[in-house]
Amino acid sequence: MGKLTTHVLDTYHGQPARELRITLYQIDEHGGRTPTRETTTNQDGRTDAPLLEGDALRVGDFELVFDVREYFQRMGHACPFLSKVAVRFTVFDAAQNYHVPLLVSPWSYSTYRGS
């Protein structure tokens, strides 16, 4: 059975993004979003457990929303450009692992499908 994981790296400070709030949504066939899980990153910028695993990971569209404004304001940036970063992706085989990292600064971000 597969699993969904993530981690967040603060590229501005060169460190893991600690205590960054993440919300996972499942997207229905009409584009509606249903919140599935809310969590925060640990000291390594990761979640303590997979966001979904086993039977909970199903084929379909999902969205991870990272609350980067809250994080960077806590880090001393009064007006970060980014507010929330949403990454929408598709699970096409629930037996595979899906790792969705976020590399973020107050002004930019990038993501990819990791291993």
N, C-alpha and C. Protein backbone atom coordinates (compact mmCIF):
# COMPACT_ATOMS: atom_id res chain seq x y z
N MET A 1 0.83 -1.19 0.00
CA MET A 1 0.00 0.00 0.00
C MET A 1 0.87 1.25 0.00
N GLY A 2 0.41 2.27 -0.69
CA GLY A 2 1.18 3.50 -0.81
C GLY A 2 0.93 4.46 0.33
N LYS A 3 1.63 5.60 0.23
CA LYS A 3 1.46 6.65 1.24
C LYS A 3 1.74 8.00 0.61
N LEU A 4 1.23 9.05 1.28
CA LEU A 4 1.45 10.43 0.88
C LEU A 4 2.21 11.13 2.00
N THR A 5 3.35 11.73 1.63
CA THR A 5 4.17 12.45 2.61
C THR A 5 4.58 13.79 2.03
N THR A 6 5.09 14.67 2.89
CA THR A 6 5.57 15.97 2.46
C THR A 6 6.66 16.44 3.40
N HIS A 7 7.40 17.41 2.97
CA HIS A 7 8.29 18.16 3.86
C HIS A 7 8.45 19.56 3.28
N VAL A 8 8.86 20.50 4.15
CA VAL A 8 8.97 21.90 3.74
C VAL A 8 10.35 22.41 4.14
N LEU A 9 11.05 22.98 3.16
CA LEU A 9 12.35 23.59 3.41
C LEU A 9 12.26 25.10 3.20
N ASP A 10 12.73 25.84 4.18
CA ASP A 10 12.79 27.30 4.14
C ASP A 10 14.10 27.66 3.44
N THR A 11 14.01 28.03 2.16
CA THR A 11 15.23 28.31 1.40
C THR A 11 15.82 29.68 1.73
N TYR A 12 15.03 30.56 2.34
CA TYR A 12 15.54 31.88 2.73
C TYR A 12 16.49 31.77 3.92
N HIS A 13 16.10 30.98 4.91
CA HIS A 13 16.92 30.80 6.10
C HIS A 13 17.83 29.58 6.02
N GLY A 14 17.64 28.76 4.99
CA GLY A 14 18.47 27.57 4.83
C GLY A 14 18.23 26.53 5.90
N GLN A 15 16.94 26.27 6.21
CA GLN A 15 16.62 25.32 7.27
C GLN A 15 15.25 24.70 7.01
N PRO A 16 14.94 23.61 7.73
CA PRO A 16 13.57 23.08 7.63
C PRO A 16 12.57 24.11 8.16
N ALA A 17 11.39 24.13 7.57
CA ALA A 17 10.33 25.04 8.03
C ALA A 17 9.59 24.34 9.18
N ARG A 18 9.87 24.77 10.38
CA ARG A 18 9.30 24.15 11.57
C ARG A 18 7.95 24.78 11.91
N GLU A 19 7.02 23.96 12.35
CA GLU A 19 5.70 24.40 12.80
C GLU A 19 4.92 25.16 11.72
N LEU A 20 5.02 24.69 10.50
CA LEU A 20 4.27 25.27 9.39
C LEU A 20 2.98 24.46 9.22
N ARG A 21 1.85 25.15 9.21
CA ARG A 21 0.55 24.49 9.12
C ARG A 21 0.27 24.05 7.68
N ILE A 22 -0.23 22.82 7.56
CA ILE A 22 -0.54 22.22 6.26
C ILE A 22 -1.95 21.64 6.33
N THR A 23 -2.75 21.91 5.31
CA THR A 23 -4.08 21.31 5.21
C THR A 23 -4.14 20.50 3.91
N LEU A 24 -4.63 19.27 4.01
CA LEU A 24 -4.82 18.40 2.86
C LEU A 24 -6.29 18.36 2.51
N TYR A 25 -6.60 18.55 1.23
CA TYR A 25 -7.97 18.48 0.73
C TYR A 25 -8.07 17.38 -0.32
N GLN A 26 -9.20 16.70 -0.35
CA GLN A 26 -9.52 15.82 -1.47
C GLN A 26 -10.41 16.62 -2.41
N ILE A 27 -10.15 16.52 -3.71
CA ILE A 27 -10.89 17.27 -4.72
C ILE A 27 -11.89 16.33 -5.38
N ASP A 28 -13.16 16.72 -5.42
CA ASP A 28 -14.16 15.86 -6.07
C ASP A 28 -14.23 16.14 -7.57
N GLU A 29 -15.07 15.39 -8.26
CA GLU A 29 -15.14 15.49 -9.72
C GLU A 29 -15.66 16.84 -10.22
N HIS A 30 -16.24 17.65 -9.32
CA HIS A 30 -16.73 18.98 -9.69
C HIS A 30 -15.76 20.08 -9.25
N GLY A 31 -14.63 19.70 -8.70
CA GLY A 31 -13.65 20.67 -8.24
C GLY A 31 -13.84 21.12 -6.81
N GLY A 32 -14.83 20.57 -6.11
CA GLY A 32 -15.05 20.91 -4.71
C GLY A 32 -13.96 20.31 -3.82
N ARG A 33 -13.65 21.03 -2.76
CA ARG A 33 -12.59 20.58 -1.85
C ARG A 33 -13.20 20.12 -0.52
N THR A 34 -12.74 18.96 -0.06
CA THR A 34 -13.13 18.45 1.25
C THR A 34 -11.87 18.33 2.10
N PRO A 35 -11.81 19.03 3.25
CA PRO A 35 -10.62 18.91 4.09
C PRO A 35 -10.49 17.47 4.60
N THR A 36 -9.28 16.93 4.48
CA THR A 36 -9.03 15.56 4.87
C THR A 36 -8.14 15.48 6.11
N ARG A 37 -7.19 16.41 6.21
CA ARG A 37 -6.25 16.37 7.33
C ARG A 37 -5.61 17.73 7.49
N GLU A 38 -5.38 18.12 8.74
CA GLU A 38 -4.60 19.32 9.05
C GLU A 38 -3.50 18.91 10.02
N THR A 39 -2.31 19.43 9.77
CA THR A 39 -1.17 19.07 10.59
C THR A 39 -0.16 20.20 10.56
N THR A 40 0.91 20.08 11.32
CA THR A 40 2.02 21.03 11.27
C THR A 40 3.32 20.25 11.14
N THR A 41 4.32 20.91 10.58
CA THR A 41 5.61 20.26 10.41
C THR A 41 6.35 20.19 11.74
N ASN A 42 7.23 19.21 11.84
CA ASN A 42 8.05 19.04 13.04
C ASN A 42 9.39 19.77 12.88
N GLN A 43 10.35 19.48 13.74
CA GLN A 43 11.64 20.16 13.72
C GLN A 43 12.45 19.91 12.45
N ASP A 44 12.11 18.82 11.74
CA ASP A 44 12.79 18.50 10.49
C ASP A 44 12.03 19.01 9.27
N GLY A 45 10.94 19.77 9.49
CA GLY A 45 10.13 20.27 8.38
C GLY A 45 9.25 19.20 7.76
N ARG A 46 9.10 18.09 8.46
CA ARG A 46 8.27 16.97 7.98
C ARG A 46 7.06 16.80 8.89
N THR A 47 6.12 16.01 8.47
CA THR A 47 5.02 15.65 9.36
C THR A 47 5.44 14.40 10.13
N ASP A 48 4.89 14.24 11.32
CA ASP A 48 5.28 13.10 12.15
C ASP A 48 4.83 11.76 11.59
N ALA A 49 3.81 11.78 10.76
CA ALA A 49 3.28 10.56 10.14
C ALA A 49 2.87 10.90 8.71
N PRO A 50 2.73 9.90 7.86
CA PRO A 50 2.22 10.17 6.51
C PRO A 50 0.87 10.88 6.57
N LEU A 51 0.60 11.71 5.59
CA LEU A 51 -0.70 12.39 5.51
C LEU A 51 -1.81 11.40 5.20
N LEU A 52 -1.53 10.47 4.34
CA LEU A 52 -2.44 9.37 4.02
C LEU A 52 -1.60 8.13 3.80
N GLU A 53 -2.15 6.97 4.16
CA GLU A 53 -1.45 5.71 3.86
C GLU A 53 -2.44 4.56 3.87
N GLY A 54 -2.04 3.49 3.23
CA GLY A 54 -2.89 2.30 3.18
C GLY A 54 -4.20 2.58 2.47
N ASP A 55 -5.30 2.10 3.06
CA ASP A 55 -6.62 2.26 2.45
C ASP A 55 -7.07 3.71 2.37
N ALA A 56 -6.49 4.60 3.18
CA ALA A 56 -6.88 6.02 3.16
C ALA A 56 -6.37 6.73 1.90
N LEU A 57 -5.32 6.19 1.27
CA LEU A 57 -4.80 6.78 0.03
C LEU A 57 -5.56 6.18 -1.14
N ARG A 58 -6.28 7.03 -1.84
CA ARG A 58 -7.11 6.57 -2.96
C ARG A 58 -6.75 7.34 -4.22
N VAL A 59 -7.08 6.76 -5.34
CA VAL A 59 -6.89 7.41 -6.63
C VAL A 59 -7.77 8.66 -6.68
N GLY A 60 -7.21 9.76 -7.17
CA GLY A 60 -7.98 10.99 -7.31
C GLY A 60 -7.10 12.21 -7.17
N ASP A 61 -7.76 13.37 -7.15
CA ASP A 61 -7.06 14.65 -7.06
C ASP A 61 -7.05 15.13 -5.61
N PHE A 62 -5.93 15.74 -5.24
CA PHE A 62 -5.72 16.25 -3.89
C PHE A 62 -5.08 17.63 -3.97
N GLU A 63 -5.15 18.35 -2.88
CA GLU A 63 -4.50 19.66 -2.79
C GLU A 63 -3.89 19.80 -1.40
N LEU A 64 -2.63 20.15 -1.37
CA LEU A 64 -1.95 20.51 -0.13
C LEU A 64 -1.87 22.03 -0.06
N VAL A 65 -2.28 22.60 1.05
CA VAL A 65 -2.21 24.05 1.24
C VAL A 65 -1.28 24.32 2.40
N PHE A 66 -0.20 25.03 2.11
CA PHE A 66 0.85 25.35 3.07
C PHE A 66 0.67 26.80 3.52
N ASP A 67 0.55 27.04 4.82
CA ASP A 67 0.33 28.39 5.34
C ASP A 67 1.69 29.07 5.56
N VAL A 68 2.25 29.57 4.46
CA VAL A 68 3.60 30.13 4.51
C VAL A 68 3.64 31.54 5.11
N ARG A 69 2.58 32.32 4.95
CA ARG A 69 2.58 33.66 5.54
C ARG A 69 2.71 33.59 7.06
N GLU A 70 1.89 32.76 7.66
CA GLU A 70 1.95 32.59 9.12
C GLU A 70 3.36 32.20 9.57
N TYR A 71 3.96 31.26 8.85
CA TYR A 71 5.31 30.80 9.18
C TYR A 71 6.33 31.94 9.07
N PHE A 72 6.36 32.64 7.93
CA PHE A 72 7.37 33.69 7.74
C PHE A 72 7.13 34.89 8.65
N GLN A 73 5.89 35.21 8.97
CA GLN A 73 5.65 36.28 9.94
C GLN A 73 6.20 35.90 11.31
N ARG A 74 6.04 34.65 11.68
CA ARG A 74 6.62 34.17 12.94
C ARG A 74 8.14 34.24 12.91
N MET A 75 8.72 34.12 11.71
CA MET A 75 10.17 34.19 11.55
C MET A 75 10.67 35.63 11.43
N GLY A 76 9.77 36.63 11.55
CA GLY A 76 10.18 38.03 11.58
C GLY A 76 9.96 38.81 10.30
N HIS A 77 9.32 38.21 9.29
CA HIS A 77 9.04 38.93 8.04
C HIS A 77 7.65 39.55 8.14
N ALA A 78 7.58 40.87 8.21
CA ALA A 78 6.31 41.55 8.42
C ALA A 78 5.35 41.40 7.24
N CYS A 79 5.87 41.41 6.02
CA CYS A 79 5.01 41.39 4.84
C CYS A 79 5.50 40.41 3.79
N PRO A 80 5.46 39.11 4.06
CA PRO A 80 5.87 38.17 3.00
C PRO A 80 4.89 38.25 1.83
N PHE A 81 5.41 38.11 0.64
CA PHE A 81 4.60 38.16 -0.58
C PHE A 81 3.60 37.00 -0.64
N LEU A 82 4.07 35.80 -0.31
CA LEU A 82 3.20 34.63 -0.38
C LEU A 82 2.34 34.50 0.86
N SER A 83 1.12 34.06 0.66
CA SER A 83 0.19 33.83 1.76
C SER A 83 0.07 32.33 2.01
N LYS A 84 -0.64 31.66 1.13
CA LYS A 84 -0.79 30.21 1.20
C LYS A 84 -0.36 29.65 -0.14
N VAL A 85 0.38 28.59 -0.11
CA VAL A 85 0.81 27.92 -1.33
C VAL A 85 -0.02 26.65 -1.47
N ALA A 86 -0.75 26.56 -2.58
CA ALA A 86 -1.58 25.39 -2.87
C ALA A 86 -0.92 24.56 -3.96
N VAL A 87 -0.78 23.28 -3.70
CA VAL A 87 -0.21 22.35 -4.68
C VAL A 87 -1.27 21.29 -4.95
N ARG A 88 -1.80 21.29 -6.17
CA ARG A 88 -2.83 20.32 -6.56
C ARG A 88 -2.16 19.23 -7.39
N PHE A 89 -2.48 17.99 -7.09
CA PHE A 89 -1.82 16.86 -7.75
C PHE A 89 -2.78 15.68 -7.82
N THR A 90 -2.39 14.68 -8.59
CA THR A 90 -3.23 13.49 -8.80
C THR A 90 -2.52 12.24 -8.31
N VAL A 91 -3.23 11.45 -7.53
CA VAL A 91 -2.79 10.10 -7.18
C VAL A 91 -3.39 9.19 -8.24
N PHE A 92 -2.55 8.59 -9.04
CA PHE A 92 -3.05 7.75 -10.13
C PHE A 92 -2.89 6.27 -9.84
N ASP A 93 -2.13 5.92 -8.79
CA ASP A 93 -1.95 4.53 -8.38
C ASP A 93 -1.75 4.52 -6.87
N ALA A 94 -2.76 4.09 -6.14
CA ALA A 94 -2.74 4.15 -4.67
C ALA A 94 -1.72 3.20 -4.05
N ALA A 95 -1.12 2.34 -4.85
CA ALA A 95 -0.09 1.44 -4.33
C ALA A 95 1.29 2.11 -4.32
N GLN A 96 1.43 3.26 -4.97
CA GLN A 96 2.71 3.96 -5.01
C GLN A 96 2.83 4.95 -3.85
N ASN A 97 4.06 5.38 -3.61
CA ASN A 97 4.32 6.44 -2.64
C ASN A 97 4.36 7.78 -3.36
N TYR A 98 3.77 8.79 -2.73
CA TYR A 98 3.75 10.14 -3.27
C TYR A 98 4.37 11.06 -2.22
N HIS A 99 5.47 11.71 -2.58
CA HIS A 99 6.13 12.65 -1.68
C HIS A 99 6.10 14.01 -2.38
N VAL A 100 5.52 15.02 -1.70
CA VAL A 100 5.33 16.33 -2.30
C VAL A 100 6.08 17.36 -1.44
N PRO A 101 7.35 17.62 -1.74
CA PRO A 101 8.12 18.61 -0.98
C PRO A 101 7.80 20.03 -1.44
N LEU A 102 8.00 20.97 -0.53
CA LEU A 102 7.86 22.39 -0.85
C LEU A 102 9.15 23.08 -0.44
N LEU A 103 9.77 23.79 -1.38
CA LEU A 103 10.91 24.65 -1.09
C LEU A 103 10.39 26.07 -1.20
N VAL A 104 10.52 26.86 -0.12
CA VAL A 104 9.80 28.13 -0.07
C VAL A 104 10.63 29.24 0.58
N SER A 105 10.45 30.45 0.06
CA SER A 105 10.99 31.67 0.67
C SER A 105 9.80 32.62 0.82
N PRO A 106 9.98 33.79 1.39
CA PRO A 106 8.85 34.72 1.48
C PRO A 106 8.33 35.18 0.11
N TRP A 107 9.10 34.95 -0.97
CA TRP A 107 8.75 35.48 -2.29
C TRP A 107 8.57 34.45 -3.38
N SER A 108 8.97 33.20 -3.14
CA SER A 108 8.88 32.21 -4.21
C SER A 108 8.82 30.80 -3.63
N TYR A 109 8.44 29.85 -4.50
CA TYR A 109 8.43 28.46 -4.08
C TYR A 109 8.62 27.55 -5.29
N SER A 110 8.98 26.31 -5.00
CA SER A 110 9.00 25.27 -6.02
C SER A 110 8.63 23.95 -5.34
N THR A 111 8.18 23.03 -6.17
CA THR A 111 7.77 21.72 -5.69
C THR A 111 8.07 20.70 -6.77
N TYR A 112 7.98 19.45 -6.42
CA TYR A 112 8.21 18.37 -7.36
C TYR A 112 7.68 17.09 -6.73
N ARG A 113 7.59 16.04 -7.51
CA ARG A 113 7.25 14.74 -6.93
C ARG A 113 8.53 14.06 -6.52
N GLY A 114 8.69 13.93 -5.24
CA GLY A 114 9.90 13.29 -4.69
C GLY A 114 9.71 11.79 -4.57
N SER A 115 10.71 11.18 -3.97
CA SER A 115 10.65 9.72 -3.80
C SER A 115 10.53 9.35 -2.34
